[in-house]
Amino acid sequence: MSKRPKIKITLVDKIGKMGCHRGHKIGDTFDFDTERGKLCPMAMHVAFPYVDILRYGGDIPKDSDGEIKICCPDAAVINIFKLEKIEE
């Protein structure tokens, strides 16, 4: 059985007017396997299906820069996270 790839989640932008309720700042990075408890539960809820797709060979539409981005569902905050599959 092959090892699942690591997934890196990085806060790369913010659109909303309020600060993150969890205290996340642009540049914060999380390893899905070891640090997912540090990531805001609302953002984690959005990220999980994408992580699953990436880990099991699926393809996710990318933005114009070729990156996979998701956003926090809190309309007052709207943190934007980049997902990266890290092959070891």
N, C-alpha and C. Protein backbone atom coordinates (compact mmCIF):
# COMPACT_ATOMS: atom_id res chain seq x y z
N MET A 1 0.85 -1.18 0.00
CA MET A 1 0.00 0.00 0.00
C MET A 1 0.89 1.24 0.00
N SER A 2 0.60 2.17 -0.87
CA SER A 2 1.43 3.37 -0.94
C SER A 2 1.06 4.37 0.16
N LYS A 3 2.05 5.13 0.53
CA LYS A 3 1.85 6.13 1.58
C LYS A 3 1.05 7.31 1.04
N ARG A 4 0.13 7.79 1.83
CA ARG A 4 -0.66 8.96 1.42
C ARG A 4 0.23 10.20 1.39
N PRO A 5 0.04 11.07 0.40
CA PRO A 5 0.85 12.30 0.36
C PRO A 5 0.47 13.24 1.50
N LYS A 6 1.43 14.03 1.92
CA LYS A 6 1.15 15.07 2.92
C LYS A 6 0.40 16.21 2.25
N ILE A 7 -0.39 16.92 3.04
CA ILE A 7 -1.12 18.08 2.54
C ILE A 7 -0.74 19.28 3.41
N LYS A 8 -0.28 20.31 2.76
CA LYS A 8 0.09 21.57 3.43
C LYS A 8 -1.03 22.58 3.16
N ILE A 9 -1.49 23.23 4.22
CA ILE A 9 -2.55 24.24 4.13
C ILE A 9 -1.96 25.56 4.58
N THR A 10 -1.98 26.57 3.70
CA THR A 10 -1.37 27.86 4.01
C THR A 10 -2.39 28.98 3.81
N LEU A 11 -2.47 29.86 4.80
CA LEU A 11 -3.33 31.04 4.68
C LEU A 11 -2.59 32.05 3.79
N VAL A 12 -3.17 32.35 2.61
CA VAL A 12 -2.47 33.19 1.63
C VAL A 12 -3.10 34.55 1.38
N ASP A 13 -4.35 34.73 1.79
CA ASP A 13 -5.01 36.02 1.52
C ASP A 13 -6.22 36.14 2.43
N LYS A 14 -6.79 37.34 2.45
CA LYS A 14 -7.96 37.64 3.28
C LYS A 14 -8.80 38.66 2.54
N ILE A 15 -10.11 38.46 2.52
CA ILE A 15 -10.99 39.39 1.84
C ILE A 15 -11.91 40.12 2.82
N GLY A 16 -12.40 39.45 3.82
CA GLY A 16 -13.35 40.03 4.77
C GLY A 16 -12.77 41.18 5.57
N LYS A 17 -13.64 41.92 6.21
CA LYS A 17 -13.24 43.11 6.97
C LYS A 17 -12.79 42.80 8.39
N MET A 18 -13.25 41.69 8.95
CA MET A 18 -12.91 41.35 10.33
C MET A 18 -11.65 40.49 10.39
N GLY A 19 -11.02 40.48 11.54
CA GLY A 19 -9.90 39.57 11.75
C GLY A 19 -10.42 38.17 12.02
N CYS A 20 -9.57 37.20 11.83
CA CYS A 20 -9.94 35.80 12.04
C CYS A 20 -10.27 35.57 13.51
N HIS A 21 -11.39 34.91 13.76
CA HIS A 21 -11.81 34.63 15.14
C HIS A 21 -10.88 33.64 15.82
N ARG A 22 -10.15 32.87 15.04
CA ARG A 22 -9.21 31.89 15.57
C ARG A 22 -7.80 32.47 15.69
N GLY A 23 -7.60 33.69 15.15
CA GLY A 23 -6.30 34.36 15.24
C GLY A 23 -5.34 34.03 14.11
N HIS A 24 -5.81 33.36 13.06
CA HIS A 24 -4.94 33.04 11.94
C HIS A 24 -4.52 34.30 11.19
N LYS A 25 -3.29 34.28 10.70
CA LYS A 25 -2.73 35.41 9.94
C LYS A 25 -2.17 34.89 8.62
N ILE A 26 -2.12 35.77 7.63
CA ILE A 26 -1.54 35.41 6.34
C ILE A 26 -0.13 34.88 6.56
N GLY A 27 0.17 33.75 5.94
CA GLY A 27 1.47 33.09 6.09
C GLY A 27 1.43 31.90 7.02
N ASP A 28 0.39 31.79 7.86
CA ASP A 28 0.27 30.62 8.73
C ASP A 28 0.16 29.36 7.87
N THR A 29 0.89 28.33 8.25
CA THR A 29 0.90 27.07 7.51
C THR A 29 0.61 25.92 8.46
N PHE A 30 -0.14 24.95 7.97
CA PHE A 30 -0.55 23.80 8.78
C PHE A 30 -0.31 22.51 8.00
N ASP A 31 0.26 21.52 8.67
CA ASP A 31 0.36 20.18 8.12
C ASP A 31 -0.94 19.46 8.47
N PHE A 32 -1.65 18.97 7.46
CA PHE A 32 -2.95 18.37 7.71
C PHE A 32 -2.88 17.23 8.72
N ASP A 33 -1.85 16.40 8.65
CA ASP A 33 -1.78 15.24 9.53
C ASP A 33 -1.42 15.57 10.97
N THR A 34 -0.54 16.53 11.16
CA THR A 34 -0.03 16.78 12.52
C THR A 34 -0.56 18.05 13.16
N GLU A 35 -1.14 18.97 12.37
CA GLU A 35 -1.55 20.26 12.94
C GLU A 35 -2.99 20.65 12.64
N ARG A 36 -3.78 19.70 12.16
CA ARG A 36 -5.15 20.07 11.78
C ARG A 36 -5.96 20.57 12.96
N GLY A 37 -5.61 20.18 14.18
CA GLY A 37 -6.31 20.68 15.36
C GLY A 37 -6.06 22.16 15.62
N LYS A 38 -5.03 22.70 15.00
CA LYS A 38 -4.72 24.13 15.16
C LYS A 38 -5.49 24.99 14.15
N LEU A 39 -5.99 24.35 13.10
CA LEU A 39 -6.72 25.08 12.06
C LEU A 39 -8.16 25.29 12.50
N CYS A 40 -8.69 26.46 12.20
CA CYS A 40 -10.07 26.80 12.53
C CYS A 40 -11.01 25.68 12.06
N PRO A 41 -11.92 25.23 12.91
CA PRO A 41 -12.83 24.15 12.52
C PRO A 41 -13.69 24.47 11.29
N MET A 42 -14.06 25.73 11.10
CA MET A 42 -14.85 26.08 9.92
C MET A 42 -14.01 25.91 8.65
N ALA A 43 -12.76 26.35 8.68
CA ALA A 43 -11.88 26.18 7.52
C ALA A 43 -11.57 24.70 7.31
N MET A 44 -11.39 23.96 8.39
CA MET A 44 -11.12 22.52 8.28
C MET A 44 -12.29 21.80 7.64
N HIS A 45 -13.49 22.21 7.98
CA HIS A 45 -14.70 21.61 7.41
C HIS A 45 -14.72 21.77 5.89
N VAL A 46 -14.27 22.93 5.41
CA VAL A 46 -14.20 23.18 3.97
C VAL A 46 -13.03 22.41 3.35
N ALA A 47 -11.90 22.37 4.02
CA ALA A 47 -10.70 21.76 3.47
C ALA A 47 -10.79 20.24 3.35
N PHE A 48 -11.45 19.59 4.28
CA PHE A 48 -11.41 18.13 4.34
C PHE A 48 -11.79 17.42 3.04
N PRO A 49 -12.88 17.76 2.38
CA PRO A 49 -13.20 17.04 1.13
C PRO A 49 -12.12 17.22 0.06
N TYR A 50 -11.52 18.39 -0.01
CA TYR A 50 -10.45 18.64 -0.98
C TYR A 50 -9.22 17.81 -0.65
N VAL A 51 -8.89 17.73 0.62
CA VAL A 51 -7.74 16.93 1.06
C VAL A 51 -7.97 15.47 0.67
N ASP A 52 -9.16 14.97 0.92
CA ASP A 52 -9.50 13.60 0.56
C ASP A 52 -9.34 13.36 -0.94
N ILE A 53 -9.84 14.28 -1.74
CA ILE A 53 -9.73 14.16 -3.20
C ILE A 53 -8.25 14.13 -3.62
N LEU A 54 -7.45 15.04 -3.08
CA LEU A 54 -6.03 15.09 -3.42
C LEU A 54 -5.29 13.82 -3.02
N ARG A 55 -5.59 13.32 -1.84
CA ARG A 55 -4.89 12.15 -1.32
C ARG A 55 -5.18 10.88 -2.10
N TYR A 56 -6.36 10.79 -2.66
CA TYR A 56 -6.75 9.54 -3.31
C TYR A 56 -6.79 9.64 -4.82
N GLY A 57 -6.00 10.59 -5.37
CA GLY A 57 -5.77 10.62 -6.81
C GLY A 57 -6.72 11.47 -7.63
N GLY A 58 -7.64 12.16 -6.98
CA GLY A 58 -8.57 13.01 -7.73
C GLY A 58 -7.92 14.30 -8.18
N ASP A 59 -8.63 15.00 -9.01
CA ASP A 59 -8.15 16.28 -9.54
C ASP A 59 -9.10 17.38 -9.12
N ILE A 60 -8.56 18.51 -8.73
CA ILE A 60 -9.34 19.66 -8.28
C ILE A 60 -9.04 20.82 -9.21
N PRO A 61 -10.06 21.56 -9.65
CA PRO A 61 -9.79 22.73 -10.50
C PRO A 61 -8.84 23.70 -9.80
N LYS A 62 -7.92 24.25 -10.57
CA LYS A 62 -6.93 25.19 -10.03
C LYS A 62 -7.24 26.60 -10.51
N ASP A 63 -6.72 27.60 -9.78
CA ASP A 63 -6.92 28.98 -10.21
C ASP A 63 -5.96 29.33 -11.35
N SER A 64 -5.96 30.56 -11.77
CA SER A 64 -5.13 30.97 -12.92
C SER A 64 -3.62 30.82 -12.65
N ASP A 65 -3.23 30.75 -11.37
CA ASP A 65 -1.82 30.54 -11.01
C ASP A 65 -1.48 29.05 -10.88
N GLY A 66 -2.46 28.18 -11.14
CA GLY A 66 -2.24 26.75 -11.02
C GLY A 66 -2.31 26.25 -9.59
N GLU A 67 -2.89 27.03 -8.70
CA GLU A 67 -2.97 26.66 -7.28
C GLU A 67 -4.39 26.27 -6.90
N ILE A 68 -4.49 25.45 -5.87
CA ILE A 68 -5.79 25.06 -5.32
C ILE A 68 -6.05 25.95 -4.12
N LYS A 69 -7.13 26.70 -4.17
CA LYS A 69 -7.46 27.60 -3.07
C LYS A 69 -8.89 27.37 -2.62
N ILE A 70 -9.08 27.49 -1.31
CA ILE A 70 -10.40 27.39 -0.70
C ILE A 70 -10.56 28.59 0.23
N CYS A 71 -11.77 28.87 0.66
CA CYS A 71 -11.93 29.98 1.58
C CYS A 71 -12.78 29.59 2.79
N CYS A 72 -12.54 30.30 3.84
CA CYS A 72 -13.28 30.16 5.09
C CYS A 72 -14.74 30.52 4.82
N PRO A 73 -15.69 29.80 5.40
CA PRO A 73 -17.10 30.10 5.16
C PRO A 73 -17.63 31.28 5.97
N ASP A 74 -16.82 31.89 6.84
CA ASP A 74 -17.27 33.04 7.62
C ASP A 74 -17.22 34.29 6.75
N ALA A 75 -18.38 34.80 6.37
CA ALA A 75 -18.46 35.93 5.43
C ALA A 75 -17.80 37.20 5.96
N ALA A 76 -17.69 37.34 7.28
CA ALA A 76 -17.06 38.53 7.84
C ALA A 76 -15.53 38.45 7.80
N VAL A 77 -15.00 37.25 7.64
CA VAL A 77 -13.56 37.05 7.68
C VAL A 77 -13.00 36.71 6.29
N ILE A 78 -13.49 35.66 5.68
CA ILE A 78 -13.09 35.15 4.36
C ILE A 78 -11.56 35.01 4.22
N ASN A 79 -10.99 34.14 5.03
CA ASN A 79 -9.59 33.78 4.85
C ASN A 79 -9.48 32.84 3.65
N ILE A 80 -8.44 33.01 2.86
CA ILE A 80 -8.21 32.16 1.69
C ILE A 80 -6.99 31.30 1.94
N PHE A 81 -7.18 29.99 1.80
CA PHE A 81 -6.14 29.01 2.06
C PHE A 81 -5.72 28.33 0.76
N LYS A 82 -4.43 28.06 0.64
CA LYS A 82 -3.88 27.30 -0.49
C LYS A 82 -3.61 25.88 0.01
N LEU A 83 -3.99 24.90 -0.80
CA LEU A 83 -3.72 23.50 -0.49
C LEU A 83 -2.63 22.99 -1.40
N GLU A 84 -1.65 22.29 -0.83
CA GLU A 84 -0.57 21.73 -1.63
C GLU A 84 -0.38 20.26 -1.27
N LYS A 85 -0.30 19.43 -2.29
CA LYS A 85 0.00 18.02 -2.08
C LYS A 85 1.52 17.88 -2.13
N ILE A 86 2.10 17.33 -1.07
CA ILE A 86 3.54 17.18 -0.96
C ILE A 86 3.87 15.69 -1.14
N GLU A 87 4.48 15.36 -2.27
CA GLU A 87 4.90 13.98 -2.53
C GLU A 87 6.27 13.77 -1.90
N GLU A 88 6.44 12.68 -1.18
CA GLU A 88 7.73 12.41 -0.53
C GLU A 88 8.44 11.28 -1.20
